[in-house]
Amino acid sequence: MARSGETCGALIGALMALGLVIGREQMEETEVYRKSMGPARELQRKFKEELKNQLGLKEDLKTTLRKEIQKKIYGRSFDMNDEKDYQAFLDAGGHGDLGCPRVCAIAAQVAAEKIFEVKS
């Protein structure tokens, strides 16, 4: 979310992809909206579960806030709008194999799995 520390952008992208497949086309399609919430919540749950498993986190994630994800991975969060803190993120491996690229890959994985499941 534009380096604000709010909801992880990778998860937002995953949910958007799912929404393109099962979401409503018209605002008035309330039933389609309601039916899409279950798979969307499942995708979010699976994202947190896979982050824990694939990154070897010791505890469950309580939220999908980027700040919390960073704390679990690096022991602290980073202010991505502060040049020095952003550099500290990079130095900690933020764009390494177990950093942001892995988080994005996990989001893509769980989105693809859920889309495949709902389309089968």
Protein backbone atom coordinates (compact mmCIF):
# COMPACT_ATOMS: atom_id res chain seq x y z
CA MET A 1 0.00 0.00 0.00
CA ALA A 2 2.47 2.58 -1.25
CA ARG A 3 5.05 1.91 1.47
CA SER A 4 2.63 2.79 4.27
CA GLY A 5 3.09 -0.40 6.26
CA GLU A 6 -0.55 -1.32 5.82
CA THR A 7 -1.94 -4.43 4.07
CA CYS A 8 0.73 -6.33 2.15
CA GLY A 9 0.60 -5.29 -1.51
CA ALA A 10 1.32 -8.85 -2.64
CA LEU A 11 -1.83 -10.04 -0.88
CA ILE A 12 -3.85 -7.18 -2.38
CA GLY A 13 -2.69 -8.27 -5.83
CA ALA A 14 -3.64 -11.88 -5.09
CA LEU A 15 -7.11 -10.83 -3.97
CA MET A 16 -7.52 -8.65 -7.04
CA ALA A 17 -6.65 -11.58 -9.29
CA LEU A 18 -9.19 -13.74 -7.48
CA GLY A 19 -11.77 -10.97 -7.79
CA LEU A 20 -11.30 -10.86 -11.54
CA VAL A 21 -12.28 -14.52 -11.66
CA ILE A 22 -15.11 -14.73 -9.13
CA GLY A 23 -16.03 -11.14 -8.32
CA ARG A 24 -19.02 -9.18 -9.43
CA GLU A 25 -19.17 -7.29 -12.68
CA GLN A 26 -21.95 -4.94 -11.58
CA MET A 27 -22.32 -3.26 -8.17
CA GLU A 28 -25.83 -4.61 -7.94
CA GLU A 29 -24.62 -8.23 -7.94
CA THR A 30 -24.77 -8.54 -4.16
CA GLU A 31 -25.04 -12.33 -4.16
CA VAL A 32 -21.88 -12.68 -6.27
CA TYR A 33 -20.12 -10.40 -3.80
CA ARG A 34 -21.29 -12.47 -0.83
CA LYS A 35 -20.16 -15.72 -2.45
CA SER A 36 -16.72 -14.28 -3.20
CA MET A 37 -16.00 -13.50 0.45
CA GLY A 38 -15.45 -17.13 1.48
CA PRO A 39 -12.75 -17.82 -1.12
CA ALA A 40 -11.17 -14.42 -0.42
CA ARG A 41 -10.93 -15.17 3.30
CA GLU A 42 -9.54 -18.63 2.54
CA LEU A 43 -6.88 -17.05 0.30
CA GLN A 44 -5.90 -14.64 3.08
CA ARG A 45 -5.69 -17.47 5.63
CA LYS A 46 -3.61 -19.61 3.27
CA PHE A 47 -1.28 -16.64 2.58
CA LYS A 48 -0.54 -16.27 6.29
CA GLU A 49 -0.13 -20.03 6.70
CA GLU A 50 2.27 -20.29 3.75
CA LEU A 51 4.32 -17.31 4.96
CA LYS A 52 4.77 -19.08 8.28
CA ASN A 53 5.65 -22.42 6.68
CA GLN A 54 7.85 -21.27 3.82
CA LEU A 55 9.71 -18.58 5.76
CA GLY A 56 10.05 -20.66 8.92
CA LEU A 57 8.25 -18.17 11.15
CA LYS A 58 7.90 -19.31 14.74
CA GLU A 59 4.47 -17.79 15.38
CA ASP A 60 1.28 -17.33 13.40
CA LEU A 61 0.65 -13.99 11.77
CA LYS A 62 -2.26 -12.17 13.36
CA THR A 63 -2.67 -9.72 10.47
CA THR A 64 -1.49 -9.21 6.92
CA LEU A 65 0.01 -5.80 7.62
CA ARG A 66 3.38 -5.33 5.97
CA LYS A 67 4.70 -4.02 9.30
CA GLU A 68 3.83 -7.28 11.06
CA ILE A 69 5.19 -9.45 8.27
CA GLN A 70 8.49 -7.58 8.41
CA LYS A 71 8.66 -7.91 12.20
CA LYS A 72 8.19 -11.67 11.91
CA ILE A 73 10.85 -12.01 9.20
CA TYR A 74 13.46 -9.46 10.35
CA GLY A 75 12.62 -8.84 13.99
CA ARG A 76 11.54 -5.29 13.20
CA SER A 77 9.59 -3.27 10.67
CA PHE A 78 11.05 -0.63 8.39
CA ASP A 79 9.84 2.80 7.33
CA MET A 80 10.06 2.31 3.59
CA ASN A 81 9.73 6.06 2.99
CA ASP A 82 12.84 6.83 5.05
CA GLU A 83 15.98 6.47 2.92
CA LYS A 84 18.15 5.10 5.74
CA ASP A 85 15.49 2.70 6.98
CA TYR A 86 14.82 1.49 3.45
CA GLN A 87 18.55 0.83 3.07
CA ALA A 88 18.45 -1.11 6.36
CA PHE A 89 15.61 -3.19 4.88
CA LEU A 90 17.72 -3.95 1.82
CA ASP A 91 20.75 -4.74 4.00
CA ALA A 92 18.61 -7.14 6.06
CA GLY A 93 17.77 -9.07 2.88
CA GLY A 94 14.54 -7.33 1.96
CA HIS A 95 14.99 -8.11 -1.71
CA GLY A 96 16.77 -11.39 -1.11
CA ASP A 97 15.49 -14.94 -1.44
CA LEU A 98 13.57 -14.87 1.84
CA GLY A 99 12.39 -11.28 1.56
CA CYS A 100 9.82 -9.41 -0.45
CA PRO A 101 10.26 -11.49 -3.63
CA ARG A 102 9.41 -14.65 -1.65
CA VAL A 103 6.38 -12.96 -0.07
CA CYS A 104 5.20 -11.99 -3.58
CA ALA A 105 5.77 -15.53 -4.83
CA ILE A 106 3.73 -16.94 -1.95
CA ALA A 107 0.89 -14.54 -2.73
CA ALA A 108 0.97 -15.57 -6.40
CA GLN A 109 1.05 -19.24 -5.42
CA VAL A 110 -1.97 -19.07 -3.12
CA ALA A 111 -3.89 -16.95 -5.66
CA ALA A 112 -3.21 -19.43 -8.45
CA GLU A 113 -4.20 -22.37 -6.24
CA LYS A 114 -7.45 -20.71 -5.17
CA ILE A 115 -8.32 -19.64 -8.73
CA PHE A 116 -7.66 -23.15 -9.97
CA GLU A 117 -9.81 -24.57 -7.17
CA VAL A 118 -12.81 -22.31 -7.83
CA LYS A 119 -12.62 -22.81 -11.60
CA SER A 120 -12.40 -26.63 -11.38
